[in-house]
Amino acid sequence: MDQRQITPSLYSRKGTNRPELLGGENGIPDGASTFTAHVFVVLTAGILVQVASAATSSCGFCLDESKTSTDIDPPTQFFGDRHFPVALEGQRFAISVTDATGHFGEADGAPQMSEVTIGEMYGILKLADGTHCLNVDNTTNDFFRVVEKPASWNGIAQDANAYNPVVIVEVVPAVIQGI
C-alpha cells in the first residue's frame, strides 16, 4: 500500500504538549528568503532560511510561509516578514519517508517501512516543492532519529510493506542550532 506524501507536522512534545516558540516578542525575519509553511529552518546571517537536503543544522520548524514584504497587513501578515518557529528540543514530528531521489509510490521504487529502524538516525531531504522528508538512504548526515513507526496513519494501515510510510521522529540534538 502506498502512503500519500505529507508535509511534516507537529506530533507531540516531551514533558508538556505545548510547543515552545522562538523569536521573542518581535520574531525572526525571513529576509526575503523563500519557503513554504511547515518546514525546518536555520538562522543564517540573522534571517530564517529553509534547511537544504543533507543539512546538519536547524533552529526550528516554521509553521507559516515566508513573506515577500515587511509590511504588517492583517489578516494574512500580522507580523510582516517575522516568524516564530517551533523549538526543536523535545518536539516530535510526523514525516514521510523517501529515498535520496525522492521516489514516491511502489511503481516509482519508493522505500518501504521495513527499511526504517526505530532508534536509527537519518538525513533530511528537501523535495522540489519545498517539502521536507526523511531520507532513508542518508545515514551519514544525521538529522532525524526515528522514535515510532505507527501501525496506521490517517486511516491507512502501515506494515513492513507500506511504501513511503509516515514515521514519528525527533531532531538529533547535535543538529539543533541555539538562538
N, C-alpha and C. Protein backbone atom coordinates (compact mmCIF):
# COMPACT_ATOMS: atom_id res chain seq x y z
N MET A 1 0.85 -1.18 0.00
CA MET A 1 0.00 0.00 0.00
C MET A 1 0.89 1.23 0.00
N ASP A 2 0.59 2.16 -0.88
CA ASP A 2 1.32 3.42 -0.93
C ASP A 2 0.72 4.40 0.07
N GLN A 3 1.57 5.06 0.83
CA GLN A 3 1.13 6.12 1.74
C GLN A 3 1.31 7.45 1.02
N ARG A 4 0.33 8.31 1.10
CA ARG A 4 0.45 9.64 0.47
C ARG A 4 1.49 10.47 1.18
N GLN A 5 2.14 11.34 0.43
CA GLN A 5 3.12 12.26 0.99
C GLN A 5 2.42 13.26 1.90
N ILE A 6 3.03 13.55 3.03
CA ILE A 6 2.50 14.58 3.93
C ILE A 6 3.55 15.66 4.11
N THR A 7 3.11 16.84 4.51
CA THR A 7 4.08 17.85 4.94
C THR A 7 4.40 17.51 6.39
N PRO A 8 5.63 17.75 6.82
CA PRO A 8 5.94 17.47 8.22
C PRO A 8 4.96 18.20 9.13
N SER A 9 4.61 17.57 10.23
CA SER A 9 3.67 18.20 11.15
C SER A 9 4.06 17.91 12.59
N LEU A 10 3.64 18.79 13.49
CA LEU A 10 3.88 18.60 14.90
C LEU A 10 3.11 17.37 15.34
N TYR A 11 3.74 16.52 16.15
CA TYR A 11 3.08 15.30 16.61
C TYR A 11 2.87 15.34 18.12
N SER A 12 3.93 15.55 18.87
CA SER A 12 3.83 15.62 20.33
C SER A 12 5.09 16.27 20.88
N ARG A 13 5.09 16.49 22.17
CA ARG A 13 6.25 17.09 22.82
C ARG A 13 6.48 16.36 24.14
N LYS A 14 7.74 16.13 24.48
CA LYS A 14 8.07 15.53 25.77
C LYS A 14 7.79 16.53 26.89
N GLY A 15 7.35 16.04 28.02
CA GLY A 15 7.10 16.91 29.17
C GLY A 15 5.73 17.53 29.11
N THR A 16 5.57 18.57 28.32
CA THR A 16 4.25 19.17 28.11
C THR A 16 3.88 18.96 26.65
N ASN A 17 2.67 19.22 26.30
CA ASN A 17 2.28 19.07 24.91
C ASN A 17 2.10 20.42 24.24
N ARG A 18 2.75 21.45 24.80
CA ARG A 18 2.67 22.80 24.23
C ARG A 18 3.98 23.12 23.53
N PRO A 19 3.94 23.33 22.23
CA PRO A 19 5.17 23.69 21.52
C PRO A 19 5.73 25.02 22.03
N GLU A 20 7.04 25.10 22.12
CA GLU A 20 7.71 26.33 22.52
C GLU A 20 8.08 27.10 21.27
N LEU A 21 7.74 28.40 21.21
CA LEU A 21 8.03 29.22 20.05
C LEU A 21 9.28 30.06 20.28
N LEU A 22 10.07 30.22 19.24
CA LEU A 22 11.29 31.03 19.28
C LEU A 22 11.02 32.40 18.67
N GLY A 23 11.87 33.35 18.94
CA GLY A 23 11.76 34.66 18.29
C GLY A 23 11.42 35.79 19.21
N GLY A 24 11.22 35.50 20.50
CA GLY A 24 10.92 36.58 21.44
C GLY A 24 9.65 37.32 21.08
N GLU A 25 9.59 38.59 21.44
CA GLU A 25 8.37 39.36 21.18
C GLU A 25 8.29 39.89 19.76
N ASN A 26 9.43 39.97 19.04
CA ASN A 26 9.43 40.54 17.70
C ASN A 26 9.52 39.54 16.57
N GLY A 27 9.85 38.30 16.86
CA GLY A 27 10.00 37.30 15.82
C GLY A 27 11.34 37.39 15.11
N ILE A 28 11.55 36.50 14.15
CA ILE A 28 12.79 36.44 13.38
C ILE A 28 12.44 36.67 11.91
N PRO A 29 13.13 37.58 11.23
CA PRO A 29 12.79 37.88 9.83
C PRO A 29 13.23 36.77 8.86
N ASP A 30 12.55 36.73 7.71
CA ASP A 30 12.97 35.78 6.67
C ASP A 30 13.85 36.46 5.62
N GLY A 31 14.00 37.78 5.70
CA GLY A 31 14.91 38.49 4.80
C GLY A 31 14.69 38.20 3.33
N ALA A 32 13.46 37.99 2.92
CA ALA A 32 13.08 37.69 1.53
C ALA A 32 13.53 36.31 1.06
N SER A 33 14.02 35.44 1.98
CA SER A 33 14.26 34.06 1.56
C SER A 33 12.89 33.40 1.39
N THR A 34 12.81 32.43 0.50
CA THR A 34 11.52 31.84 0.15
C THR A 34 11.39 30.43 0.72
N PHE A 35 10.29 30.18 1.42
CA PHE A 35 9.98 28.83 1.90
C PHE A 35 8.48 28.69 2.11
N THR A 36 8.01 27.45 2.09
CA THR A 36 6.60 27.16 2.31
C THR A 36 6.36 26.97 3.81
N ALA A 37 5.12 26.80 4.17
CA ALA A 37 4.78 26.53 5.57
C ALA A 37 5.17 25.10 5.93
N HIS A 38 5.40 24.85 7.21
CA HIS A 38 5.70 23.52 7.75
C HIS A 38 7.03 22.99 7.25
N VAL A 39 8.08 23.81 7.42
CA VAL A 39 9.43 23.40 7.02
C VAL A 39 10.42 23.69 8.15
N PHE A 40 11.52 22.99 8.12
CA PHE A 40 12.60 23.21 9.07
C PHE A 40 13.44 24.38 8.55
N VAL A 41 13.85 25.26 9.46
CA VAL A 41 14.60 26.46 9.09
C VAL A 41 15.88 26.55 9.91
N VAL A 42 16.82 27.32 9.36
CA VAL A 42 18.09 27.58 10.03
C VAL A 42 18.28 29.10 10.04
N LEU A 43 18.92 29.60 11.08
CA LEU A 43 19.21 31.03 11.18
C LEU A 43 20.56 31.28 10.54
N THR A 44 20.56 32.05 9.44
CA THR A 44 21.77 32.35 8.69
C THR A 44 21.87 33.85 8.50
N ALA A 45 22.93 34.44 9.01
CA ALA A 45 23.15 35.89 8.91
C ALA A 45 21.94 36.68 9.40
N GLY A 46 21.31 36.20 10.47
CA GLY A 46 20.20 36.91 11.09
C GLY A 46 18.84 36.72 10.45
N ILE A 47 18.75 35.86 9.43
CA ILE A 47 17.44 35.60 8.80
C ILE A 47 17.17 34.10 8.77
N LEU A 48 15.89 33.75 8.66
CA LEU A 48 15.49 32.35 8.56
C LEU A 48 15.57 31.89 7.11
N VAL A 49 16.17 30.73 6.91
CA VAL A 49 16.31 30.13 5.59
C VAL A 49 15.89 28.67 5.71
N GLN A 50 15.21 28.15 4.70
CA GLN A 50 14.80 26.75 4.73
C GLN A 50 16.01 25.83 4.70
N VAL A 51 15.94 24.77 5.49
CA VAL A 51 17.00 23.76 5.55
C VAL A 51 17.09 23.04 4.21
N ALA A 52 18.30 22.84 3.72
CA ALA A 52 18.54 22.14 2.46
C ALA A 52 18.67 20.63 2.69
N SER A 53 18.68 19.86 1.62
CA SER A 53 18.91 18.42 1.72
C SER A 53 20.26 18.16 2.36
N ALA A 54 20.31 17.12 3.19
CA ALA A 54 21.53 16.68 3.87
C ALA A 54 22.08 17.71 4.86
N ALA A 55 21.26 18.65 5.28
CA ALA A 55 21.68 19.67 6.25
C ALA A 55 21.95 19.04 7.61
N THR A 56 22.76 19.70 8.40
CA THR A 56 23.05 19.21 9.75
C THR A 56 22.88 20.31 10.79
N SER A 57 22.06 21.32 10.47
CA SER A 57 21.79 22.39 11.42
C SER A 57 20.40 22.95 11.18
N SER A 58 19.67 23.19 12.26
CA SER A 58 18.33 23.78 12.18
C SER A 58 18.00 24.41 13.52
N CYS A 59 17.33 25.56 13.47
CA CYS A 59 16.96 26.23 14.72
C CYS A 59 15.50 25.98 15.09
N GLY A 60 14.66 25.64 14.09
CA GLY A 60 13.26 25.46 14.40
C GLY A 60 12.44 24.96 13.23
N PHE A 61 11.14 24.89 13.46
CA PHE A 61 10.17 24.41 12.49
C PHE A 61 9.17 25.53 12.26
N CYS A 62 9.15 26.09 11.06
CA CYS A 62 8.32 27.26 10.76
C CYS A 62 6.93 26.82 10.31
N LEU A 63 5.91 27.31 11.00
CA LEU A 63 4.53 26.93 10.71
C LEU A 63 3.90 27.77 9.60
N ASP A 64 4.51 28.91 9.28
CA ASP A 64 3.96 29.77 8.23
C ASP A 64 4.98 29.96 7.12
N GLU A 65 4.49 30.36 5.96
CA GLU A 65 5.38 30.55 4.80
C GLU A 65 6.09 31.90 4.87
N SER A 66 7.15 32.03 4.09
CA SER A 66 7.87 33.30 4.04
C SER A 66 6.98 34.37 3.41
N LYS A 67 7.32 35.62 3.66
CA LYS A 67 6.54 36.74 3.15
C LYS A 67 7.40 37.59 2.22
N THR A 68 6.80 38.17 1.21
CA THR A 68 7.55 38.98 0.25
C THR A 68 7.72 40.42 0.71
N SER A 69 7.00 40.80 1.76
CA SER A 69 7.04 42.19 2.21
C SER A 69 7.20 42.24 3.72
N THR A 70 7.81 43.31 4.20
CA THR A 70 7.92 43.50 5.65
C THR A 70 6.70 44.22 6.22
N ASP A 71 5.76 44.59 5.35
CA ASP A 71 4.55 45.30 5.79
C ASP A 71 3.70 44.44 6.71
N ILE A 72 3.15 45.06 7.73
CA ILE A 72 2.18 44.39 8.59
C ILE A 72 0.82 44.60 7.94
N ASP A 73 0.18 43.49 7.54
CA ASP A 73 -1.03 43.55 6.73
C ASP A 73 -2.01 42.46 7.14
N PRO A 74 -2.75 42.66 8.26
CA PRO A 74 -3.74 41.66 8.67
C PRO A 74 -4.84 41.50 7.61
N PRO A 75 -5.45 40.37 7.46
CA PRO A 75 -5.33 39.19 8.32
C PRO A 75 -4.30 38.17 7.84
N THR A 76 -3.59 38.43 6.76
CA THR A 76 -2.65 37.43 6.25
C THR A 76 -1.22 37.63 6.72
N GLN A 77 -0.87 38.82 7.18
CA GLN A 77 0.50 39.12 7.53
C GLN A 77 0.55 39.96 8.80
N PHE A 78 0.25 39.34 9.92
CA PHE A 78 0.20 40.06 11.19
C PHE A 78 1.55 40.59 11.66
N PHE A 79 2.64 39.90 11.27
CA PHE A 79 3.96 40.24 11.78
C PHE A 79 4.94 40.62 10.67
N GLY A 80 4.46 41.03 9.52
CA GLY A 80 5.35 41.35 8.41
C GLY A 80 6.10 40.11 7.97
N ASP A 81 7.43 40.23 7.85
CA ASP A 81 8.23 39.07 7.45
C ASP A 81 8.83 38.35 8.66
N ARG A 82 8.26 38.57 9.83
CA ARG A 82 8.76 37.95 11.06
C ARG A 82 8.05 36.63 11.32
N HIS A 83 8.81 35.68 11.90
CA HIS A 83 8.27 34.34 12.16
C HIS A 83 8.62 33.92 13.58
N PHE A 84 7.86 32.97 14.09
CA PHE A 84 8.05 32.43 15.42
C PHE A 84 8.13 30.90 15.30
N PRO A 85 9.31 30.37 14.90
CA PRO A 85 9.44 28.92 14.69
C PRO A 85 9.27 28.14 15.98
N VAL A 86 8.83 26.91 15.84
CA VAL A 86 8.70 25.99 16.98
C VAL A 86 10.09 25.47 17.33
N ALA A 87 10.43 25.52 18.63
CA ALA A 87 11.72 25.00 19.10
C ALA A 87 11.76 23.49 18.86
N LEU A 88 12.91 22.97 18.52
CA LEU A 88 13.06 21.56 18.15
C LEU A 88 13.29 20.64 19.34
N GLU A 89 13.90 21.14 20.39
CA GLU A 89 14.22 20.29 21.52
C GLU A 89 12.97 19.69 22.16
N GLY A 90 12.92 18.37 22.24
CA GLY A 90 11.79 17.68 22.85
C GLY A 90 10.56 17.57 21.98
N GLN A 91 10.58 18.14 20.80
CA GLN A 91 9.42 18.12 19.90
C GLN A 91 9.49 16.92 18.98
N ARG A 92 8.38 16.28 18.76
CA ARG A 92 8.29 15.15 17.82
C ARG A 92 7.47 15.57 16.61
N PHE A 93 7.84 15.00 15.47
CA PHE A 93 7.21 15.34 14.20
C PHE A 93 6.78 14.08 13.46
N ALA A 94 5.69 14.18 12.72
CA ALA A 94 5.28 13.14 11.78
C ALA A 94 5.85 13.55 10.43
N ILE A 95 6.48 12.61 9.71
CA ILE A 95 7.14 12.95 8.46
C ILE A 95 7.11 11.76 7.50
N SER A 96 7.03 12.04 6.21
CA SER A 96 7.06 11.00 5.18
C SER A 96 8.49 10.49 4.98
N VAL A 97 8.59 9.23 4.59
CA VAL A 97 9.88 8.61 4.30
C VAL A 97 10.03 8.46 2.79
N THR A 98 11.19 8.86 2.28
CA THR A 98 11.52 8.63 0.88
C THR A 98 12.99 8.27 0.79
N ASP A 99 13.51 8.17 -0.42
CA ASP A 99 14.92 7.86 -0.60
C ASP A 99 15.66 9.09 -1.13
N ALA A 100 16.92 8.92 -1.48
CA ALA A 100 17.77 10.05 -1.88
C ALA A 100 17.28 10.76 -3.13
N THR A 101 16.47 10.09 -3.96
CA THR A 101 15.97 10.72 -5.17
C THR A 101 14.52 11.16 -5.05
N GLY A 102 13.92 11.00 -3.88
CA GLY A 102 12.56 11.48 -3.65
C GLY A 102 11.47 10.63 -4.27
N HIS A 103 11.71 9.33 -4.40
CA HIS A 103 10.69 8.45 -5.00
C HIS A 103 9.46 8.34 -4.11
N PHE A 104 8.28 8.35 -4.75
CA PHE A 104 7.02 8.15 -4.05
C PHE A 104 6.18 7.13 -4.80
N GLY A 105 5.73 6.11 -4.10
CA GLY A 105 4.86 5.08 -4.67
C GLY A 105 5.62 3.84 -5.09
N GLU A 106 4.92 2.72 -5.00
CA GLU A 106 5.51 1.42 -5.35
C GLU A 106 6.05 1.40 -6.77
N ALA A 107 5.30 1.96 -7.71
CA ALA A 107 5.70 1.96 -9.11
C ALA A 107 6.99 2.75 -9.34
N ASP A 108 7.29 3.66 -8.44
CA ASP A 108 8.49 4.50 -8.58
C ASP A 108 9.69 3.93 -7.82
N GLY A 109 9.49 2.78 -7.15
CA GLY A 109 10.58 2.17 -6.39
C GLY A 109 10.84 2.84 -5.06
N ALA A 110 9.79 3.34 -4.44
CA ALA A 110 9.91 4.05 -3.16
C ALA A 110 10.30 3.11 -2.02
N PRO A 111 10.88 3.65 -0.95
CA PRO A 111 11.25 2.82 0.19
C PRO A 111 10.02 2.32 0.96
N GLN A 112 10.20 1.18 1.63
CA GLN A 112 9.14 0.59 2.43
C GLN A 112 9.43 0.78 3.92
N MET A 113 8.42 0.53 4.73
CA MET A 113 8.55 0.64 6.19
C MET A 113 9.67 -0.26 6.70
N SER A 114 9.88 -1.41 6.08
CA SER A 114 10.91 -2.35 6.54
C SER A 114 12.32 -1.77 6.44
N GLU A 115 12.50 -0.69 5.68
CA GLU A 115 13.81 -0.05 5.54
C GLU A 115 14.10 0.95 6.66
N VAL A 116 13.11 1.22 7.51
CA VAL A 116 13.25 2.19 8.59
C VAL A 116 13.40 1.43 9.91
N THR A 117 14.33 1.87 10.75
CA THR A 117 14.59 1.22 12.03
C THR A 117 14.38 2.22 13.17
N ILE A 118 13.60 1.83 14.17
CA ILE A 118 13.41 2.68 15.34
C ILE A 118 14.75 2.86 16.04
N GLY A 119 15.07 4.09 16.40
CA GLY A 119 16.32 4.41 17.06
C GLY A 119 17.44 4.80 16.10
N GLU A 120 17.28 4.49 14.82
CA GLU A 120 18.29 4.83 13.81
C GLU A 120 18.16 6.30 13.44
N MET A 121 19.27 6.90 13.00
CA MET A 121 19.27 8.30 12.58
C MET A 121 19.41 8.37 11.06
N TYR A 122 18.67 9.33 10.47
CA TYR A 122 18.63 9.52 9.03
C TYR A 122 18.74 10.99 8.68
N GLY A 123 19.04 11.27 7.42
CA GLY A 123 19.15 12.64 6.94
C GLY A 123 17.82 13.22 6.50
N ILE A 124 17.86 14.48 6.12
CA ILE A 124 16.68 15.21 5.65
C ILE A 124 16.82 15.41 4.14
N LEU A 125 15.69 15.39 3.45
CA LEU A 125 15.66 15.64 2.01
C LEU A 125 14.64 16.74 1.74
N LYS A 126 15.04 17.73 0.97
CA LYS A 126 14.13 18.80 0.54
C LYS A 126 13.70 18.47 -0.88
N LEU A 127 12.41 18.22 -1.07
CA LEU A 127 11.88 17.92 -2.39
C LEU A 127 11.75 19.19 -3.23
N ALA A 128 11.50 19.03 -4.52
CA ALA A 128 11.40 20.16 -5.44
C ALA A 128 10.32 21.16 -5.03
N ASP A 129 9.24 20.67 -4.41
CA ASP A 129 8.16 21.58 -3.99
C ASP A 129 8.44 22.23 -2.63
N GLY A 130 9.61 21.93 -2.04
CA GLY A 130 10.00 22.54 -0.76
C GLY A 130 9.65 21.70 0.45
N THR A 131 8.92 20.61 0.26
CA THR A 131 8.54 19.74 1.38
C THR A 131 9.75 18.97 1.89
N HIS A 132 9.85 18.82 3.20
CA HIS A 132 10.92 18.03 3.79
C HIS A 132 10.44 16.60 4.04
N CYS A 133 11.33 15.65 3.84
CA CYS A 133 11.07 14.24 4.10
C CYS A 133 12.27 13.63 4.79
N LEU A 134 12.07 12.47 5.41
CA LEU A 134 13.18 11.70 5.95
C LEU A 134 13.81 10.94 4.80
N ASN A 135 15.12 11.05 4.64
CA ASN A 135 15.86 10.36 3.57
C ASN A 135 16.44 9.08 4.14
N VAL A 136 15.80 7.96 3.86
CA VAL A 136 16.22 6.67 4.41
C VAL A 136 17.59 6.24 3.89
N ASP A 137 18.03 6.80 2.78
CA ASP A 137 19.34 6.46 2.21
C ASP A 137 20.50 7.22 2.85
N ASN A 138 20.19 8.29 3.58
CA ASN A 138 21.24 9.12 4.17
C ASN A 138 21.40 8.79 5.65
N THR A 139 22.41 8.00 5.97
CA THR A 139 22.71 7.68 7.36
C THR A 139 24.04 8.33 7.78
N THR A 140 24.50 9.28 6.97
CA THR A 140 25.75 9.99 7.25
C THR A 140 25.48 11.37 7.85
N ASN A 141 24.61 12.14 7.23
CA ASN A 141 24.27 13.49 7.70
C ASN A 141 23.02 13.39 8.57
N ASP A 142 23.20 12.93 9.80
CA ASP A 142 22.07 12.66 10.69
C ASP A 142 21.29 13.93 11.02
N PHE A 143 19.98 13.87 10.82
CA PHE A 143 19.08 14.98 11.13
C PHE A 143 17.95 14.49 12.04
N PHE A 144 17.36 13.34 11.69
CA PHE A 144 16.23 12.77 12.44
C PHE A 144 16.62 11.47 13.12
N ARG A 145 15.98 11.21 14.27
CA ARG A 145 16.04 9.89 14.91
C ARG A 145 14.61 9.39 14.97
N VAL A 146 14.38 8.19 14.44
CA VAL A 146 13.04 7.61 14.41
C VAL A 146 12.69 7.10 15.80
N VAL A 147 11.53 7.53 16.32
CA VAL A 147 11.09 7.12 17.65
C VAL A 147 9.84 6.24 17.61
N GLU A 148 9.13 6.23 16.48
CA GLU A 148 7.92 5.42 16.39
C GLU A 148 7.58 5.14 14.93
N LYS A 149 7.06 3.94 14.69
CA LYS A 149 6.55 3.56 13.36
C LYS A 149 5.07 3.22 13.55
N PRO A 150 4.18 4.21 13.35
CA PRO A 150 2.75 3.98 13.60
C PRO A 150 2.19 2.86 12.72
N ALA A 151 1.31 2.04 13.31
CA ALA A 151 0.68 0.94 12.58
C ALA A 151 -0.29 1.46 11.52
N SER A 152 -0.76 2.71 11.70
CA SER A 152 -1.60 3.34 10.69
C SER A 152 -1.41 4.84 10.75
N TRP A 153 -1.68 5.50 9.64
CA TRP A 153 -1.60 6.96 9.59
C TRP A 153 -2.75 7.45 8.73
N ASN A 154 -3.55 8.37 9.27
CA ASN A 154 -4.73 8.91 8.59
C ASN A 154 -5.64 7.81 8.06
N GLY A 155 -5.78 6.75 8.85
CA GLY A 155 -6.68 5.66 8.49
C GLY A 155 -6.11 4.66 7.51
N ILE A 156 -4.86 4.80 7.13
CA ILE A 156 -4.23 3.86 6.19
C ILE A 156 -3.25 3.00 6.98
N ALA A 157 -3.44 1.68 6.91
CA ALA A 157 -2.57 0.75 7.62
C ALA A 157 -1.15 0.84 7.07
N GLN A 158 -0.19 0.72 7.99
CA GLN A 158 1.23 0.74 7.61
C GLN A 158 1.89 -0.49 8.21
N ASP A 159 2.24 -1.45 7.35
CA ASP A 159 3.00 -2.60 7.81
C ASP A 159 4.40 -2.54 7.19
N ALA A 160 5.15 -3.61 7.30
CA ALA A 160 6.53 -3.63 6.79
C ALA A 160 6.59 -3.38 5.29
N ASN A 161 5.49 -3.64 4.57
CA ASN A 161 5.47 -3.49 3.12
C ASN A 161 4.90 -2.16 2.64
N ALA A 162 4.54 -1.26 3.55
CA ALA A 162 3.97 0.03 3.17
C ALA A 162 5.04 0.89 2.50
N TYR A 163 4.70 1.48 1.37
CA TYR A 163 5.62 2.37 0.65
C TYR A 163 5.46 3.79 1.17
N ASN A 164 6.56 4.51 1.31
CA ASN A 164 6.58 5.89 1.82
C ASN A 164 5.79 6.03 3.12
N PRO A 165 6.15 5.24 4.12
CA PRO A 165 5.41 5.33 5.38
C PRO A 165 5.62 6.69 6.05
N VAL A 166 4.72 6.99 6.97
CA VAL A 166 4.87 8.16 7.84
C VAL A 166 5.42 7.64 9.16
N VAL A 167 6.49 8.25 9.63
CA VAL A 167 7.10 7.86 10.90
C VAL A 167 7.16 9.05 11.83
N ILE A 168 7.36 8.77 13.10
CA ILE A 168 7.48 9.81 14.12
C ILE A 168 8.96 9.96 14.44
N VAL A 169 9.44 11.21 14.40
CA VAL A 169 10.87 11.47 14.57
C VAL A 169 11.10 12.60 15.57
N GLU A 170 12.33 12.65 16.07
CA GLU A 170 12.85 13.80 16.81
C GLU A 170 14.07 14.29 16.05
N VAL A 171 14.35 15.56 16.14
CA VAL A 171 15.56 16.10 15.54
C VAL A 171 16.73 15.76 16.45
N VAL A 172 17.82 15.28 15.86
CA VAL A 172 19.03 14.89 16.60
C VAL A 172 19.55 16.13 17.37
N PRO A 173 19.86 15.99 18.67
CA PRO A 173 20.31 17.14 19.45
C PRO A 173 21.51 17.89 18.85
N ALA A 174 22.44 17.20 18.22
CA ALA A 174 23.61 17.87 17.62
C ALA A 174 23.24 18.79 16.47
N VAL A 175 22.07 18.62 15.90
CA VAL A 175 21.60 19.43 14.77
C VAL A 175 21.02 20.77 15.26
N ILE A 176 20.50 20.79 16.47
CA ILE A 176 19.74 21.94 16.96
C ILE A 176 20.67 23.16 17.16
N GLN A 177 20.37 24.20 16.40
CA GLN A 177 21.12 25.45 16.44
C GLN A 177 20.53 26.34 17.53
N GLY A 178 21.35 26.72 18.49
CA GLY A 178 20.88 27.59 19.55
C GLY A 178 20.75 29.02 19.05
N ILE A 179 19.66 29.68 19.41
CA ILE A 179 19.48 31.09 19.02
C ILE A 179 19.06 31.91 20.23
